[in-house]
C-alpha atoms as a PDB file:
ATOM      1  CA  MET A   1       0.000   0.000   0.000  1.00  0.00           C
ATOM      2  CA  ALA A   2       1.647   3.188  -1.181  1.00  0.00           C
ATOM      3  CA  THR A   3       1.629   6.356   0.902  1.00  0.00           C
ATOM      4  CA  SER A   4       2.761   9.909   0.348  1.00  0.00           C
ATOM      5  CA  SER A   5       5.632  11.270   2.415  1.00  0.00           C
ATOM      6  CA  ASN A   6       4.009  14.663   3.001  1.00  0.00           C
ATOM      7  CA  ASN A   7       0.824  16.621   2.300  1.00  0.00           C
ATOM      8  CA  ALA A   8       1.423  16.829  -1.453  1.00  0.00           C
ATOM      9  CA  TYR A   9      -1.730  14.844  -2.253  1.00  0.00           C
ATOM     10  CA  LEU A  10      -3.975  16.064   0.569  1.00  0.00           C
ATOM     11  CA  GLY A  11      -5.519  18.740  -1.629  1.00  0.00           C
ATOM     12  CA  PHE A  12      -6.747  16.062  -4.042  1.00  0.00           C
ATOM     13  CA  LEU A  13      -8.415  14.211  -1.165  1.00  0.00           C
ATOM     14  CA  ILE A  14     -10.160  17.334   0.141  1.00  0.00           C
ATOM     15  CA  ALA A  15     -11.315  18.448  -3.314  1.00  0.00           C
ATOM     16  CA  GLY A  16     -12.449  14.965  -4.291  1.00  0.00           C
ATOM     17  CA  LYS A  17     -11.498  15.508  -7.946  1.00  0.00           C
ATOM     18  CA  TYR A  18     -10.047  13.016 -10.411  1.00  0.00           C
ATOM     19  CA  THR A  19     -10.785  10.020  -8.196  1.00  0.00           C
ATOM     20  CA  ASP A  20     -10.463   6.585  -9.804  1.00  0.00           C
ATOM     21  CA  PHE A  21     -10.729   4.154  -6.880  1.00  0.00           C
ATOM     22  CA  ILE A  22     -13.432   3.484  -4.284  1.00  0.00           C
ATOM     23  CA  ILE A  23     -13.096   2.111  -0.765  1.00  0.00           C
ATOM     24  CA  GLN A  24     -16.430   1.143   0.758  1.00  0.00           C
ATOM     25  CA  CYS A  25     -17.034   0.733   4.513  1.00  0.00           C
ATOM     26  CA  GLN A  26     -20.589  -0.220   5.445  1.00  0.00           C
ATOM     27  CA  ASN A  27     -22.714   2.367   3.578  1.00  0.00           C
ATOM     28  CA  VAL A  28     -19.983   4.967   3.150  1.00  0.00           C
ATOM     29  CA  GLU A  29     -17.880   5.303  -0.013  1.00  0.00           C
ATOM     30  CA  PHE A  30     -14.439   6.931  -0.015  1.00  0.00           C
ATOM     31  CA  LYS A  31     -13.327   8.135  -3.441  1.00  0.00           C
ATOM     32  CA  VAL A  32      -9.541   8.112  -3.666  1.00  0.00           C
ATOM     33  CA  HIS A  33      -6.760   7.973  -6.245  1.00  0.00           C
ATOM     34  CA  ARG A  34      -4.756   5.070  -7.620  1.00  0.00           C
ATOM     35  CA  ILE A  35      -1.588   7.107  -7.104  1.00  0.00           C
ATOM     36  CA  ILE A  36      -2.207   6.464  -3.413  1.00  0.00           C
ATOM     37  CA  GLU A  37      -3.707   2.987  -3.555  1.00  0.00           C
ATOM     38  CA  ALA A  38      -1.691   1.526  -6.429  1.00  0.00           C
ATOM     39  CA  GLU A  39      -4.786  -0.523  -7.338  1.00  0.00           C
ATOM     40  CA  SER A  40      -7.874  -0.169  -9.505  1.00  0.00           C
ATOM     41  CA  GLY A  41     -11.597  -0.609  -9.078  1.00  0.00           C
ATOM     42  CA  ARG A  42     -13.308  -1.016  -5.709  1.00  0.00           C
ATOM     43  CA  ILE A  43     -12.713  -2.780  -2.405  1.00  0.00           C
ATOM     44  CA  THR A  44     -15.174  -3.280   0.460  1.00  0.00           C
ATOM     45  CA  PHE A  45     -14.447  -3.507   4.193  1.00  0.00           C
ATOM     46  CA  PRO A  46     -17.843  -4.056   5.876  1.00  0.00           C
ATOM     47  CA  GLU A  47     -16.208  -4.758   9.250  1.00  0.00           C
ATOM     48  CA  ILE A  48     -14.374  -1.413   9.481  1.00  0.00           C
ATOM     49  CA  LYS A  49     -16.160   1.641  10.854  1.00  0.00           C
ATOM     50  CA  PRO A  50     -16.238   4.544   8.383  1.00  0.00           C
ATOM     51  CA  ASP A  51     -14.675   7.050  10.810  1.00  0.00           C
ATOM     52  CA  ILE A  52     -11.713   4.677  11.253  1.00  0.00           C
ATOM     53  CA  MET A  53     -11.245   4.107   7.517  1.00  0.00           C
ATOM     54  CA  ALA A  54     -11.471   7.879   7.017  1.00  0.00           C
ATOM     55  CA  ARG A  55      -8.440   8.298   9.272  1.00  0.00           C
ATOM     56  CA  VAL A  56      -6.579   5.474   7.529  1.00  0.00           C
ATOM     57  CA  ILE A  57      -7.082   7.186   4.179  1.00  0.00           C
ATOM     58  CA  LEU A  58      -6.109  10.525   5.693  1.00  0.00           C
ATOM     59  CA  PHE A  59      -2.871   8.926   6.882  1.00  0.00           C
ATOM     60  CA  MET A  60      -2.177   7.638   3.356  1.00  0.00           C
ATOM     61  CA  TYR A  61      -2.389  11.161   1.988  1.00  0.00           C
ATOM     62  CA  SER A  62      -0.807  13.159   4.802  1.00  0.00           C
ATOM     63  CA  ARG A  63       1.085  10.672   7.014  1.00  0.00           C
ATOM     64  CA  ASP A  64      -0.969  11.880   9.965  1.00  0.00           C
ATOM     65  CA  TYR A  65      -4.435  11.711  11.548  1.00  0.00           C
ATOM     66  CA  ASN A  66      -6.273  13.155  14.534  1.00  0.00           C
ATOM     67  CA  SER A  67      -7.602  10.713  17.139  1.00  0.00           C
ATOM     68  CA  TYR A  68     -10.093  13.202  18.569  1.00  0.00           C
ATOM     69  CA  HIS A  69     -12.100  14.314  15.555  1.00  0.00           C
ATOM     70  CA  LEU A  70     -12.325  14.192  11.770  1.00  0.00           C
ATOM     71  CA  PRO A  71     -11.704  17.256   9.601  1.00  0.00           C
ATOM     72  CA  THR A  72     -14.806  19.060   8.350  1.00  0.00           C
ATOM     73  CA  PHE A  73     -14.560  17.828   4.769  1.00  0.00           C
ATOM     74  CA  TYR A  74     -15.048  14.271   6.048  1.00  0.00           C
ATOM     75  CA  MET A  75     -17.777  15.155   8.547  1.00  0.00           C
ATOM     76  CA  ARG A  76     -20.097  15.977   5.650  1.00  0.00           C
ATOM     77  CA  PHE A  77     -20.650  12.308   4.872  1.00  0.00           C
ATOM     78  CA  VAL A  78     -18.981  10.228   7.611  1.00  0.00           C
ATOM     79  CA  GLY A  79     -20.588   9.698  11.000  1.00  0.00           C
ATOM     80  CA  ASP A  80     -17.813  10.413  13.507  1.00  0.00           C
ATOM     81  CA  ASP A  81     -18.009   8.779  16.944  1.00  0.00           C
ATOM     82  CA  THR A  82     -16.017  11.704  18.341  1.00  0.00           C
ATOM     83  CA  LYS A  83     -18.567  14.329  17.272  1.00  0.00           C
ATOM     84  CA  ASP A  84     -19.898  14.648  20.839  1.00  0.00           C
ATOM     85  CA  MET A  85     -16.632  16.162  22.060  1.00  0.00           C
ATOM     86  CA  LYS A  86     -17.857  19.746  22.102  1.00  0.00           C
ATOM     87  CA  ASP A  87     -14.769  21.072  23.872  1.00  0.00           C
ATOM     88  CA  LEU A  88     -12.643  20.373  20.818  1.00  0.00           C
ATOM     89  CA  LYS A  89     -12.706  22.833  17.953  1.00  0.00           C
ATOM     90  CA  ASP A  90     -14.286  21.533  14.720  1.00  0.00           C
ATOM     91  CA  THR A  91     -11.846  22.659  12.050  1.00  0.00           C
ATOM     92  CA  GLU A  92     -10.113  21.418   8.934  1.00  0.00           C
ATOM     93  CA  ASP A  93      -7.162  20.477  11.128  1.00  0.00           C
ATOM     94  CA  THR A  94      -5.791  17.071  10.114  1.00  0.00           C
ATOM     95  CA  ARG A  95      -2.785  17.217  12.391  1.00  0.00           C
ATOM     96  CA  SER A  96      -1.946  14.712  15.084  1.00  0.00           C
ATOM     97  CA  ASP A  97      -3.214  14.618  18.641  1.00  0.00           C
ATOM     98  CA  THR A  98      -2.483  17.377  21.135  1.00  0.00           C
ATOM     99  CA  TYR A  99      -3.153  17.230  24.859  1.00  0.00           C
ATOM    100  CA  GLU A 100      -1.765  18.596  28.106  1.00  0.00           C
ATOM    101  CA  GLU A 101      -0.053  15.759  29.973  1.00  0.00           C
ATOM    102  CA  ASP A 102      -0.287  17.454  33.364  1.00  0.00           C
ATOM    103  CA  GLY A 103      -4.050  17.601  33.000  1.00  0.00           C
ATOM    104  CA  TYR A 104      -4.404  13.834  32.864  1.00  0.00           C
ATOM    105  CA  ARG A 105      -1.568  12.345  34.879  1.00  0.00           C
ATOM    106  CA  GLY A 106      -2.726  10.856  38.169  1.00  0.00           C
ATOM    107  CA  GLU A 107      -5.073   8.365  39.751  1.00  0.00           C
ATOM    108  CA  ASN A 108      -8.282  10.370  40.061  1.00  0.00           C
ATOM    109  CA  GLY A 109     -11.033  11.395  37.687  1.00  0.00           C
ATOM    110  CA  ASP A 110     -12.465   9.920  34.507  1.00  0.00           C
ATOM    111  CA  ILE A 111     -10.374   9.737  31.365  1.00  0.00           C
ATOM    112  CA  GLN A 112     -13.233  10.995  29.190  1.00  0.00           C
ATOM    113  CA  ALA A 113     -13.013  14.424  30.834  1.00  0.00           C
ATOM    114  CA  GLY A 114     -10.512  15.436  28.166  1.00  0.00           C
ATOM    115  CA  GLY A 115     -11.632  13.018  25.477  1.00  0.00           C
ATOM    116  CA  LEU A 116      -8.844  10.512  26.025  1.00  0.00           C
ATOM    117  CA  ARG A 117     -11.136   7.495  26.253  1.00  0.00           C
ATOM    118  CA  THR A 118     -12.402   8.260  22.762  1.00  0.00           C
ATOM    119  CA  ALA A 119      -8.861   8.840  21.490  1.00  0.00           C
ATOM    120  CA  LEU A 120      -7.678   5.554  23.010  1.00  0.00           C
ATOM    121  CA  ASN A 121     -10.539   3.652  21.373  1.00  0.00           C
ATOM    122  CA  VAL A 122      -9.782   5.254  18.016  1.00  0.00           C
ATOM    123  CA  ASN A 123      -6.076   4.414  18.202  1.00  0.00           C
ATOM    124  CA  ALA A 124      -6.809   0.810  19.168  1.00  0.00           C
ATOM    125  CA  LEU A 125      -9.105   0.424  16.153  1.00  0.00           C
ATOM    126  CA  MET A 126      -6.596   2.199  13.909  1.00  0.00           C
ATOM    127  CA  TYR A 127      -4.025  -0.349  15.017  1.00  0.00           C
ATOM    128  CA  GLN A 128      -6.409  -3.204  14.230  1.00  0.00           C
ATOM    129  CA  CYS A 129      -7.131  -1.805  10.763  1.00  0.00           C
ATOM    130  CA  ALA A 130      -3.439  -1.211  10.032  1.00  0.00           C
ATOM    131  CA  ASP A 131      -2.629  -4.753  11.116  1.00  0.00           C
ATOM    132  CA  MET A 132      -5.316  -6.161   8.839  1.00  0.00           C
ATOM    133  CA  LEU A 133      -4.013  -4.097   5.900  1.00  0.00           C
ATOM    134  CA  ASP A 134      -0.372  -4.904   6.727  1.00  0.00           C
ATOM    135  CA  PHE A 135       0.247  -1.154   7.013  1.00  0.00           C
ATOM    136  CA  GLU A 136       3.328  -1.162   9.249  1.00  0.00           C
ATOM    137  CA  ASP A 137       3.911   2.612   9.442  1.00  0.00           C
ATOM    138  CA  LEU A 138       0.357   3.238  10.605  1.00  0.00           C
ATOM    139  CA  LYS A 139       0.562   0.336  13.073  1.00  0.00           C
ATOM    140  CA  GLN A 140       3.547   1.893  14.785  1.00  0.00           C
ATOM    141  CA  VAL A 141       1.955   5.353  14.943  1.00  0.00           C
ATOM    142  CA  ALA A 142      -1.325   4.018  16.358  1.00  0.00           C
ATOM    143  CA  CYS A 143       0.517   1.829  18.869  1.00  0.00           C
ATOM    144  CA  ARG A 144       2.732   4.672  20.063  1.00  0.00           C
ATOM    145  CA  ARG A 145      -0.205   7.054  20.484  1.00  0.00           C
ATOM    146  CA  PHE A 146      -2.245   4.511  22.433  1.00  0.00           C
ATOM    147  CA  ILE A 147       0.632   3.704  24.795  1.00  0.00           C
ATOM    148  CA  ASP A 148       1.528   7.391  25.269  1.00  0.00           C
ATOM    149  CA  HIS A 149      -2.066   8.131  26.275  1.00  0.00           C
ATOM    150  CA  ALA A 150      -2.393   4.969  28.368  1.00  0.00           C
ATOM    151  CA  LYS A 151       0.654   5.841  30.469  1.00  0.00           C
ATOM    152  CA  LEU A 152      -1.175   8.980  31.580  1.00  0.00           C
ATOM    153  CA  VAL A 153      -4.527   7.448  32.485  1.00  0.00           C
ATOM    154  CA  TYR A 154      -4.170   3.728  33.231  1.00  0.00           C
ATOM    155  CA  GLY A 155      -4.989   4.380  36.897  1.00  0.00           C
ATOM    156  CA  MET A 156      -8.137   6.408  36.206  1.00  0.00           C
ATOM    157  CA  ASP A 157     -11.791   5.441  35.868  1.00  0.00           C
ATOM    158  CA  GLY A 158     -12.799   4.484  32.344  1.00  0.00           C
ATOM    159  CA  PHE A 159      -9.533   2.902  31.215  1.00  0.00           C
ATOM    160  CA  GLU A 160     -11.183  -0.527  31.233  1.00  0.00           C
ATOM    161  CA  GLU A 161     -13.141   0.322  28.067  1.00  0.00           C
ATOM    162  CA  PRO A 162     -10.226   1.037  25.670  1.00  0.00           C
ATOM    163  CA  LEU A 163      -8.270  -1.762  27.348  1.00  0.00           C
ATOM    164  CA  ARG A 164     -10.998  -4.224  26.391  1.00  0.00           C
ATOM    165  CA  VAL A 165     -11.041  -2.821  22.852  1.00  0.00           C
ATOM    166  CA  VAL A 166      -7.327  -3.648  22.586  1.00  0.00           C
ATOM    167  CA  TYR A 167      -7.804  -7.233  23.734  1.00  0.00           C
ATOM    168  CA  GLU A 168     -10.855  -7.784  21.529  1.00  0.00           C
ATOM    169  CA  SER A 169      -9.285  -6.287  18.402  1.00  0.00           C
ATOM    170  CA  THR A 170      -5.759  -7.761  18.479  1.00  0.00           C
ATOM    171  CA  ARG A 171      -4.370 -11.245  17.994  1.00  0.00           C
ATOM    172  CA  GLU A 172      -3.341 -13.194  21.090  1.00  0.00           C
ATOM    173  CA  ASP A 173       0.238 -13.358  19.806  1.00  0.00           C
ATOM    174  CA  ASP A 174       0.437  -9.645  18.952  1.00  0.00           C
ATOM    175  CA  LYS A 175       3.879  -8.380  19.978  1.00  0.00           C
ATOM    176  CA  ASP A 176       3.231  -4.656  19.685  1.00  0.00           C
ATOM    177  CA  LEU A 177       0.130  -2.974  21.116  1.00  0.00           C
ATOM    178  CA  ARG A 178      -1.319  -5.962  23.006  1.00  0.00           C
ATOM    179  CA  PHE A 179       2.054  -6.911  24.493  1.00  0.00           C
ATOM    180  CA  GLN A 180       2.968  -3.345  25.468  1.00  0.00           C
ATOM    181  CA  VAL A 181      -0.351  -2.547  27.136  1.00  0.00           C
ATOM    182  CA  THR A 182      -0.230  -5.847  29.036  1.00  0.00           C
ATOM    183  CA  CYS A 183       3.265  -4.988  30.291  1.00  0.00           C
ATOM    184  CA  LEU A 184       2.017  -1.564  31.410  1.00  0.00           C
ATOM    185  CA  CYS A 185      -0.796  -3.158  33.410  1.00  0.00           C
ATOM    186  CA  ILE A 186       1.376  -5.851  34.979  1.00  0.00           C
ATOM    187  CA  GLU A 187       4.070  -3.344  35.964  1.00  0.00           C
ATOM    188  CA  ASN A 188       1.418  -1.288  37.747  1.00  0.00           C
ATOM    189  CA  CYS A 189      -0.711  -4.103  39.144  1.00  0.00           C
ATOM    190  CA  GLY A 190      -0.520  -2.637  42.651  1.00  0.00           C
ATOM    191  CA  LEU A 191      -2.409   0.460  41.527  1.00  0.00           C
ATOM    192  CA  LEU A 192      -4.711  -1.339  39.094  1.00  0.00           C
ATOM    193  CA  ALA A 193      -5.761  -3.817  41.780  1.00  0.00           C
ATOM    194  CA  ARG A 194      -7.667  -0.896  43.311  1.00  0.00           C
ATOM    195  CA  ARG A 195      -9.418  -0.238  39.995  1.00  0.00           C
ATOM    196  CA  GLU A 196     -11.697  -3.267  39.981  1.00  0.00           C
ATOM    197  CA  LYS A 197     -13.090  -2.828  36.462  1.00  0.00           C
ATOM    198  CA  THR A 198      -9.668  -2.434  34.863  1.00  0.00           C
ATOM    199  CA  ALA A 199      -8.214  -5.278  36.919  1.00  0.00           C
ATOM    200  CA  ALA A 200     -11.098  -7.518  35.846  1.00  0.00           C
ATOM    201  CA  VAL A 201     -10.295  -6.939  32.161  1.00  0.00           C
ATOM    202  CA  VAL A 202      -6.595  -7.712  32.628  1.00  0.00           C
ATOM    203  CA  GLU A 203      -7.432 -10.834  34.624  1.00  0.00           C
ATOM    204  CA  GLU A 204      -9.974 -11.989  32.035  1.00  0.00           C
ATOM    205  CA  TYR A 205      -7.409 -12.031  29.233  1.00  0.00           C
ATOM    206  CA  ASN A 206      -4.297 -12.852  31.300  1.00  0.00           C
ATOM    207  CA  PRO A 207      -5.564 -14.926  34.263  1.00  0.00           C
ATOM    208  CA  HIS A 208      -2.343 -16.710  35.225  1.00  0.00           C
ATOM    209  CA  LEU A 209      -0.042 -13.745  34.614  1.00  0.00           C
ATOM    210  CA  TRP A 210      -2.302 -11.452  36.622  1.00  0.00           C
ATOM    211  CA  ALA A 211      -2.539 -13.900  39.533  1.00  0.00           C
ATOM    212  CA  VAL A 212       1.256 -14.201  39.747  1.00  0.00           C
ATOM    213  CA  SER A 213       1.701 -10.428  39.512  1.00  0.00           C
ATOM    214  CA  VAL A 214      -0.789  -9.766  42.303  1.00  0.00           C
ATOM    215  CA  GLU A 215       0.897 -12.325  44.570  1.00  0.00           C
ATOM    216  CA  VAL A 216       4.376 -10.917  43.886  1.00  0.00           C
ATOM    217  CA  ASN A 217       3.094  -7.419  44.621  1.00  0.00           C
ATOM    218  CA  LYS A 218       1.586  -8.592  47.932  1.00  0.00           C
ATOM    219  CA  ARG A 219       4.909 -10.098  49.006  1.00  0.00           C
ATOM    220  CA  LYS A 220       6.768  -6.981  47.938  1.00  0.00           C
ATOM    221  CA  MET A 221       4.425  -4.797  49.979  1.00  0.00           C
ATOM    222  CA  SER A 222       4.786  -7.094  52.990  1.00  0.00           C
ATOM    223  CA  ILE A 223       8.582  -6.867  52.899  1.00  0.00           C
ATOM    224  CA  THR A 224       8.415  -3.101  52.386  1.00  0.00           C
ATOM    225  CA  ARG A 225       6.195  -2.689  55.447  1.00  0.00           C
ATOM    226  CA  ALA A 226       8.525  -4.891  57.506  1.00  0.00           C
ATOM    227  CA  VAL A 227      11.572  -2.839  56.511  1.00  0.00           C
ATOM    228  CA  ASP A 228       9.714   0.403  57.267  1.00  0.00           C
ATOM    229  CA  ASP A 229       8.841  -0.914  60.720  1.00  0.00           C
ATOM    230  CA  LEU A 230      12.466  -1.890  61.317  1.00  0.00           C
ATOM    231  CA  ASN A 231      13.597   1.558  60.279  1.00  0.00           C
ATOM    232  CA  ASP A 232      11.146   3.096  62.740  1.00  0.00           C
ATOM    233  CA  GLU A 233      12.476   0.791  65.467  1.00  0.00           C
ATOM    234  CA  LEU A 234      16.057   1.846  64.751  1.00  0.00           C
ATOM    235  CA  HIS A 235      14.983   5.446  65.110  1.00  0.00           C
ATOM    236  CA  LEU A 236      13.301   4.712  68.454  1.00  0.00           C
ATOM    237  CA  ARG A 237      16.490   3.053  69.686  1.00  0.00           C
ATOM    238  CA  GLY A 238      18.421   6.227  69.139  1.00  0.00           C
ATOM    239  CA  CYS A 239      19.596   5.903  65.533  1.00  0.00           C
ATOM    240  CA  LYS A 240      19.346   9.383  64.042  1.00  0.00           C
ATOM    241  CA  HIS A 241      21.134   8.594  60.793  1.00  0.00           C
ATOM    242  CA  LEU A 242      19.104   9.096  57.644  1.00  0.00           C
ATOM    243  CA  ILE A 243      20.850   6.333  55.737  1.00  0.00           C
ATOM    244  CA  PRO A 244      19.440   5.442  52.315  1.00  0.00           C
ATOM    245  CA  MET A 245      17.813   2.029  52.411  1.00  0.00           C
ATOM    246  CA  LYS A 246      20.213   0.706  49.770  1.00  0.00           C
ATOM    247  CA  ARG A 247      23.094   1.232  52.269  1.00  0.00           C
ATOM    248  CA  MET A 248      21.369  -0.587  55.111  1.00  0.00           C
ATOM    249  CA  SER A 249      22.507  -4.167  55.696  1.00  0.00           C
ATOM    250  CA  LEU A 250      19.583  -6.558  55.458  1.00  0.00           C
ATOM    251  CA  LYS A 251      19.523 -10.195  56.485  1.00  0.00           C
ATOM    252  CA  VAL A 252      16.655 -12.568  55.771  1.00  0.00           C
ATOM    253  CA  SER A 253      16.598 -15.814  57.777  1.00  0.00           C
ATOM    254  CA  THR A 254      14.263 -18.777  58.053  1.00  0.00           C
ATOM    255  CA  GLN A 255      13.642 -20.928  61.104  1.00  0.00           C
ATOM    256  CA  ASP A 256      10.811 -23.431  61.458  1.00  0.00           C
ATOM    257  CA  ASP A 257       9.252 -22.086  58.244  1.00  0.00           C
ATOM    258  CA  VAL A 258       9.124 -18.588  59.767  1.00  0.00           C
ATOM    259  CA  HIS A 259      10.824 -15.806  57.797  1.00  0.00           C
ATOM    260  CA  SER A 260      12.421 -12.875  59.594  1.00  0.00           C
ATOM    261  CA  ILE A 261      14.282  -9.757  58.524  1.00  0.00           C
ATOM    262  CA  THR A 262      17.054  -8.011  60.448  1.00  0.00           C
ATOM    263  CA  MET A 263      18.607  -4.682  59.572  1.00  0.00           C
ATOM    264  CA  LYS A 264      21.793  -2.885  60.543  1.00  0.00           C
ATOM    265  CA  CYS A 265      22.684   0.786  60.383  1.00  0.00           C
ATOM    266  CA  PRO A 266      26.263   1.085  59.026  1.00  0.00           C
ATOM    267  CA  LEU A 267      26.995   3.937  61.472  1.00  0.00           C
ATOM    268  CA  CYS A 268      25.446   2.597  64.680  1.00  0.00           C
ATOM    269  CA  SER A 269      26.501  -1.032  64.118  1.00  0.00           C
ATOM    270  CA  GLY A 270      24.788  -3.911  65.820  1.00  0.00           C
ATOM    271  CA  TRP A 271      21.993  -5.880  64.249  1.00  0.00           C
ATOM    272  CA  LEU A 272      18.442  -5.039  65.138  1.00  0.00           C
ATOM    273  CA  MET A 273      16.929  -8.304  66.330  1.00  0.00           C
ATOM    274  CA  PRO A 274      14.560 -10.219  64.023  1.00  0.00           C
ATOM    275  CA  TYR A 275      11.299  -8.504  63.255  1.00  0.00           C
END
């Protein structure tokens, strides 16, 4: 599938003149040019939503697309699922996504407040379409945009919806988007365990991996609490040294199937008895 390296052909797409190829999605027809498609005639994709195919075609002409909304020239005949996002300006802008990271980073709120749930869904479906068309450049762009957004909002309400879209629209052996979003969830299982809906989606598609991750996180938290308690005890015993934990000497011992941790301040010497 041929693509242009810049916006040289975008004017032809907007004007709709001299078209000689048709891409049909459901009841919507996209009239394009063989110079872009390198084919002739017509092709039908009944399973692809028109607003997604519109962005795919836009990427062919301009090497870019906007996850939040379609440009006006497409809105005239394509139903856009992002049309309800009234806070975003409806223009001819075909440029890539823009958002303020500081406005979304954190654990509170709903990701749809700034339209990111919609953008995540769009990028997941763009990835699916690109994978089906063997469109590697678009796959990488869609994957990167989804992961960039996901890193900001994975701990917020509403992330379970685009996460499910990823799992339902990608192959089980997918090594890009599916693998990367699974890694993101597993690496942050401690936080996601408190988001029951998101955790349920991860567990549904990765039951064994999720179970192991949760157990490892529990053990990690248990050891962390034990070390914190030991540090408090050292302080109560007169140790006033603010030694970084990595410089403390730790000893883990087992007796009669009971695990214990001892810790030593390198300045005060003397082991604190088992905790």
